[in-house]
């Protein structure tokens, strides 16, 4: 699921990858978005009970255009 900070015309071609190892949960998300104005786009994520926001790490995947 994805949330937007404002109105959008359409969202399509959504891809989600979720994986994990012994220490980390991985989540990658992409979509094609059509909108008249810039909006923020965020996918839902979770973290271990009692952990802080510092438990989340965001990685820019622009250098990996063929990830999906």
Protein backbone atom coordinates (compact mmCIF):
# COMPACT_ATOMS: atom_id res chain seq x y z
CA UNK A 1 0.00 0.00 0.00
CA UNK A 2 1.18 3.51 -0.75
CA UNK A 3 0.17 6.90 0.61
CA UNK A 4 0.43 10.26 -1.14
CA UNK A 5 0.62 13.76 0.28
CA UNK A 6 -1.81 15.17 -2.28
CA UNK A 7 -4.12 14.34 -5.19
CA UNK A 8 -2.91 12.08 -8.01
CA UNK A 9 -4.39 11.31 -11.43
CA UNK A 10 -3.27 7.69 -11.60
CA UNK A 11 -0.93 5.11 -10.09
CA UNK A 12 0.06 2.06 -12.14
CA UNK A 13 2.78 -0.54 -12.72
CA UNK A 14 3.31 -1.02 -8.98
CA UNK A 15 6.11 -3.38 -7.93
CA UNK A 16 6.91 -4.43 -4.37
CA UNK A 17 9.86 -6.48 -3.16
CA UNK A 18 10.02 -7.75 0.39
CA UNK A 19 12.81 -9.89 1.74
CA UNK A 20 14.64 -10.52 4.97
CA UNK A 21 17.66 -12.11 6.54
CA UNK A 22 18.47 -12.83 10.17
CA UNK A 23 18.88 -9.15 11.07
CA UNK A 24 17.01 -7.06 8.52
CA UNK A 25 13.73 -6.73 6.73
CA UNK A 26 14.01 -5.28 3.21
CA UNK A 27 11.28 -3.41 1.36
CA UNK A 28 11.56 -1.89 -2.13
CA UNK A 29 8.63 -0.18 -3.84
CA UNK A 30 8.12 1.48 -7.23
CA UNK A 31 5.21 2.78 -9.26
CA UNK A 32 4.35 4.98 -12.21
CA UNK A 33 2.63 8.09 -10.89
CA UNK A 34 0.70 10.75 -12.79
CA UNK A 35 -0.03 14.00 -10.96
CA UNK A 36 -0.30 17.73 -11.69
CA UNK A 37 1.81 18.77 -8.70
CA UNK A 38 4.74 17.27 -6.83
CA UNK A 39 3.64 14.92 -4.06
CA UNK A 40 5.41 12.76 -1.53
CA UNK A 41 5.00 9.04 -1.93
CA UNK A 42 5.51 6.58 0.90
CA UNK A 43 5.04 2.86 1.36
CA UNK A 44 3.99 1.39 4.67
CA UNK A 45 6.74 -0.23 6.70
CA UNK A 46 7.14 -1.76 10.10
CA UNK A 47 9.85 -1.98 12.72
CA UNK A 48 10.49 -4.07 15.79
CA UNK A 49 8.46 -3.19 18.86
CA UNK A 50 10.39 -0.78 21.06
CA UNK A 51 12.77 0.36 18.29
CA UNK A 52 13.10 4.01 17.28
CA UNK A 53 12.80 5.63 13.86
CA UNK A 54 16.56 5.22 13.56
CA UNK A 55 15.85 1.54 12.95
CA UNK A 56 14.70 2.49 9.42
CA UNK A 57 17.24 3.13 6.70
CA UNK A 58 16.31 4.52 3.29
CA UNK A 59 18.41 3.68 0.22
CA UNK A 60 18.10 5.47 -3.12
CA UNK A 61 17.81 2.83 -5.87
CA UNK A 62 18.14 5.22 -8.85
CA UNK A 63 21.47 3.58 -9.72
CA UNK A 64 19.61 0.26 -10.14
CA UNK A 65 17.02 0.95 -12.86
CA UNK A 66 16.56 -2.77 -13.56
CA UNK A 67 15.91 -3.79 -9.95
CA UNK A 68 12.33 -4.75 -10.85
